[in-house]
Amino acid sequence: EHEAPDAKSADANIAFCMAMTPEAEQLLPVLQRYGFETLEKLAVLG
């Protein structure tokens, strides 16, 4: 499911985090803990 997680996900996370609130950014470690390795899936919900 994840293609080139290193480059693609990093760029996506950087771009998405720029638009994130500090509160949402603090949730990232929690989301990763529950299986959200990147925020790409959450970006669709937003």
PDB file of N, CA and C in Angstrom:
ATOM      1  N   GLU A   1       0.824  -1.199   0.000  1.00  0.00           N
ATOM      2  CA  GLU A   1       0.000   0.000   0.000  1.00  0.00           C
ATOM      3  C   GLU A   1       0.864   1.257   0.000  1.00  0.00           C
ATOM      4  N   HIS A   2       1.986   1.186   0.695  1.00  0.00           N
ATOM      5  CA  HIS A   2       2.858   2.368   0.773  1.00  0.00           C
ATOM      6  C   HIS A   2       3.965   2.269  -0.262  1.00  0.00           C
ATOM      7  N   GLU A   3       3.993   3.214  -1.190  1.00  0.00           N
ATOM      8  CA  GLU A   3       5.052   3.234  -2.197  1.00  0.00           C
ATOM      9  C   GLU A   3       6.066   4.307  -1.822  1.00  0.00           C
ATOM     10  N   ALA A   4       7.336   3.942  -1.794  1.00  0.00           N
ATOM     11  CA  ALA A   4       8.401   4.879  -1.429  1.00  0.00           C
ATOM     12  C   ALA A   4       8.003   5.705  -0.215  1.00  0.00           C
ATOM     13  N   PRO A   5       7.823   5.066   0.947  1.00  0.00           N
ATOM     14  CA  PRO A   5       7.356   5.790   2.133  1.00  0.00           C
ATOM     15  C   PRO A   5       8.316   6.873   2.586  1.00  0.00           C
ATOM     16  N   ASP A   6       9.604   6.689   2.281  1.00  0.00           N
ATOM     17  CA  ASP A   6      10.597   7.655   2.750  1.00  0.00           C
ATOM     18  C   ASP A   6      10.417   9.017   2.080  1.00  0.00           C
ATOM     19  N   ALA A   7      10.422   9.052   0.756  1.00  0.00           N
ATOM     20  CA  ALA A   7      10.384  10.337   0.052  1.00  0.00           C
ATOM     21  C   ALA A   7       8.965  10.890  -0.039  1.00  0.00           C
ATOM     22  N   LYS A   8       8.047  10.078  -0.527  1.00  0.00           N
ATOM     23  CA  LYS A   8       6.685  10.556  -0.776  1.00  0.00           C
ATOM     24  C   LYS A   8       5.997  10.982   0.522  1.00  0.00           C
ATOM     25  N   SER A   9       6.070  10.141   1.537  1.00  0.00           N
ATOM     26  CA  SER A   9       5.390  10.438   2.787  1.00  0.00           C
ATOM     27  C   SER A   9       5.995  11.654   3.476  1.00  0.00           C
ATOM     28  N   ALA A  10       7.310  11.781   3.387  1.00  0.00           N
ATOM     29  CA  ALA A  10       7.966  12.913   4.029  1.00  0.00           C
ATOM     30  C   ALA A  10       7.478  14.225   3.423  1.00  0.00           C
ATOM     31  N   ASP A  11       7.427  14.282   2.096  1.00  0.00           N
ATOM     32  CA  ASP A  11       6.958  15.497   1.435  1.00  0.00           C
ATOM     33  C   ASP A  11       5.508  15.782   1.795  1.00  0.00           C
ATOM     34  N   ALA A  12       4.682  14.741   1.824  1.00  0.00           N
ATOM     35  CA  ALA A  12       3.269  14.911   2.138  1.00  0.00           C
ATOM     36  C   ALA A  12       3.102  15.406   3.569  1.00  0.00           C
ATOM     37  N   ASN A  13       3.867  14.839   4.490  1.00  0.00           N
ATOM     38  CA  ASN A  13       3.758  15.240   5.886  1.00  0.00           C
ATOM     39  C   ASN A  13       4.205  16.675   6.081  1.00  0.00           C
ATOM     40  N   ILE A  14       5.305  17.061   5.427  1.00  0.00           N
ATOM     41  CA  ILE A  14       5.802  18.429   5.554  1.00  0.00           C
ATOM     42  C   ILE A  14       4.766  19.417   5.044  1.00  0.00           C
ATOM     43  N   ALA A  15       4.206  19.137   3.876  1.00  0.00           N
ATOM     44  CA  ALA A  15       3.220  20.036   3.287  1.00  0.00           C
ATOM     45  C   ALA A  15       1.975  20.107   4.151  1.00  0.00           C
ATOM     46  N   PHE A  16       1.542  18.970   4.675  1.00  0.00           N
ATOM     47  CA  PHE A  16       0.308  18.937   5.456  1.00  0.00           C
ATOM     48  C   PHE A  16       0.523  19.570   6.821  1.00  0.00           C
ATOM     49  N   CYS A  17       1.678  19.328   7.434  1.00  0.00           N
ATOM     50  CA  CYS A  17       1.948  19.882   8.758  1.00  0.00           C
ATOM     51  C   CYS A  17       1.979  21.407   8.718  1.00  0.00           C
ATOM     52  N   MET A  18       2.363  21.965   7.583  1.00  0.00           N
ATOM     53  CA  MET A  18       2.400  23.417   7.465  1.00  0.00           C
ATOM     54  C   MET A  18       1.012  24.012   7.674  1.00  0.00           C
ATOM     55  N   ALA A  19      -0.021  23.253   7.333  1.00  0.00           N
ATOM     56  CA  ALA A  19      -1.389  23.732   7.463  1.00  0.00           C
ATOM     57  C   ALA A  19      -2.027  23.258   8.768  1.00  0.00           C
ATOM     58  N   MET A  20      -1.294  22.495   9.535  1.00  0.00           N
ATOM     59  CA  MET A  20      -1.841  21.943  10.772  1.00  0.00           C
ATOM     60  C   MET A  20      -1.783  22.945  11.908  1.00  0.00           C
ATOM     61  N   THR A  21      -2.713  22.809  12.836  1.00  0.00           N
ATOM     62  CA  THR A  21      -2.672  23.602  14.053  1.00  0.00           C
ATOM     63  C   THR A  21      -1.734  22.920  15.036  1.00  0.00           C
ATOM     64  N   PRO A  22      -1.209  23.653  16.006  1.00  0.00           N
ATOM     65  CA  PRO A  22      -0.332  23.029  17.013  1.00  0.00           C
ATOM     66  C   PRO A  22      -1.023  21.861  17.709  1.00  0.00           C
ATOM     67  N   GLU A  23      -2.325  21.976  17.926  1.00  0.00           N
ATOM     68  CA  GLU A  23      -3.057  20.900  18.590  1.00  0.00           C
ATOM     69  C   GLU A  23      -3.032  19.635  17.743  1.00  0.00           C
ATOM     70  N   ALA A  24      -3.286  19.798  16.444  1.00  0.00           N
ATOM     71  CA  ALA A  24      -3.290  18.647  15.545  1.00  0.00           C
ATOM     72  C   ALA A  24      -1.894  18.046  15.451  1.00  0.00           C
ATOM     73  N   GLU A  25      -0.885  18.903  15.471  1.00  0.00           N
ATOM     74  CA  GLU A  25       0.489  18.421  15.370  1.00  0.00           C
ATOM     75  C   GLU A  25       0.845  17.567  16.581  1.00  0.00           C
ATOM     76  N   GLN A  26       0.313  17.925  17.740  1.00  0.00           N
ATOM     77  CA  GLN A  26       0.590  17.160  18.950  1.00  0.00           C
ATOM     78  C   GLN A  26      -0.062  15.779  18.899  1.00  0.00           C
ATOM     79  N   LEU A  27      -1.099  15.644  18.073  1.00  0.00           N
ATOM     80  CA  LEU A  27      -1.792  14.361  17.963  1.00  0.00           C
ATOM     81  C   LEU A  27      -1.044  13.376  17.076  1.00  0.00           C
ATOM     82  N   LEU A  28      -0.108  13.870  16.280  1.00  0.00           N
ATOM     83  CA  LEU A  28       0.586  13.006  15.327  1.00  0.00           C
ATOM     84  C   LEU A  28       1.197  11.762  15.971  1.00  0.00           C
ATOM     85  N   PRO A  29       1.945  11.884  17.081  1.00  0.00           N
ATOM     86  CA  PRO A  29       2.517  10.677  17.702  1.00  0.00           C
ATOM     87  C   PRO A  29       1.442   9.678  18.115  1.00  0.00           C
ATOM     88  N   VAL A  30       0.290  10.181  18.557  1.00  0.00           N
ATOM     89  CA  VAL A  30      -0.804   9.294  18.954  1.00  0.00           C
ATOM     90  C   VAL A  30      -1.364   8.571  17.736  1.00  0.00           C
ATOM     91  N   LEU A  31      -1.539   9.316  16.656  1.00  0.00           N
ATOM     92  CA  LEU A  31      -2.058   8.719  15.422  1.00  0.00           C
ATOM     93  C   LEU A  31      -1.102   7.657  14.898  1.00  0.00           C
ATOM     94  N   GLN A  32       0.190   7.955  14.944  1.00  0.00           N
ATOM     95  CA  GLN A  32       1.195   6.995  14.474  1.00  0.00           C
ATOM     96  C   GLN A  32       1.127   5.726  15.316  1.00  0.00           C
ATOM     97  N   ARG A  33       0.856   5.899  16.607  1.00  0.00           N
ATOM     98  CA  ARG A  33       0.783   4.768  17.525  1.00  0.00           C
ATOM     99  C   ARG A  33      -0.378   3.838  17.154  1.00  0.00           C
ATOM    100  N   TYR A  34      -1.429   4.433  16.590  1.00  0.00           N
ATOM    101  CA  TYR A  34      -2.602   3.639  16.227  1.00  0.00           C
ATOM    102  C   TYR A  34      -2.586   3.203  14.771  1.00  0.00           C
ATOM    103  N   GLY A  35      -1.440   3.383  14.097  1.00  0.00           N
ATOM    104  CA  GLY A  35      -1.296   2.817  12.764  1.00  0.00           C
ATOM    105  C   GLY A  35      -1.308   3.838  11.642  1.00  0.00           C
ATOM    106  N   PHE A  36      -1.456   5.119  11.979  1.00  0.00           N
ATOM    107  CA  PHE A  36      -1.388   6.134  10.928  1.00  0.00           C
ATOM    108  C   PHE A  36       0.060   6.571  10.768  1.00  0.00           C
ATOM    109  N   GLU A  37       0.788   5.890   9.876  1.00  0.00           N
ATOM    110  CA  GLU A  37       2.202   6.201   9.712  1.00  0.00           C
ATOM    111  C   GLU A  37       2.384   7.591   9.127  1.00  0.00           C
ATOM    112  N   THR A  38       1.432   8.009   8.306  1.00  0.00           N
ATOM    113  CA  THR A  38       1.486   9.357   7.749  1.00  0.00           C
ATOM    114  C   THR A  38       0.110   9.980   7.879  1.00  0.00           C
ATOM    115  N   LEU A  39       0.006  11.253   7.535  1.00  0.00           N
ATOM    116  CA  LEU A  39      -1.273  11.949   7.628  1.00  0.00           C
ATOM    117  C   LEU A  39      -2.022  11.946   6.304  1.00  0.00           C
ATOM    118  N   GLU A  40      -1.495  11.185   5.329  1.00  0.00           N
ATOM    119  CA  GLU A  40      -2.127  11.170   4.010  1.00  0.00           C
ATOM    120  C   GLU A  40      -3.580  10.707   4.103  1.00  0.00           C
ATOM    121  N   LYS A  41      -3.839   9.688   4.921  1.00  0.00           N
ATOM    122  CA  LYS A  41      -5.206   9.174   5.056  1.00  0.00           C
ATOM    123  C   LYS A  41      -6.098  10.214   5.729  1.00  0.00           C
ATOM    124  N   LEU A  42      -5.555  10.919   6.713  1.00  0.00           N
ATOM    125  CA  LEU A  42      -6.346  11.914   7.432  1.00  0.00           C
ATOM    126  C   LEU A  42      -6.617  13.133   6.568  1.00  0.00           C
ATOM    127  N   ALA A  43      -5.709  13.428   5.650  1.00  0.00           N
ATOM    128  CA  ALA A  43      -5.886  14.592   4.778  1.00  0.00           C
ATOM    129  C   ALA A  43      -7.168  14.462   3.963  1.00  0.00           C
ATOM    130  N   VAL A  44      -7.522  13.245   3.617  1.00  0.00           N
ATOM    131  CA  VAL A  44      -8.750  13.020   2.848  1.00  0.00           C
ATOM    132  C   VAL A  44      -9.967  13.361   3.699  1.00  0.00           C
ATOM    133  N   LEU A  45      -9.882  13.058   4.991  1.00  0.00           N
ATOM    134  CA  LEU A  45     -11.012  13.322   5.886  1.00  0.00           C
ATOM    135  C   LEU A  45     -11.170  14.807   6.146  1.00  0.00           C
ATOM    136  N   GLY A  46     -10.063  15.544   6.065  1.00  0.00           N
ATOM    137  CA  GLY A  46     -10.103  16.975   6.329  1.00  0.00           C
ATOM    138  C   GLY A  46     -10.725  17.697   5.167  1.00  0.00           C
TER     139      GLY A  46
END
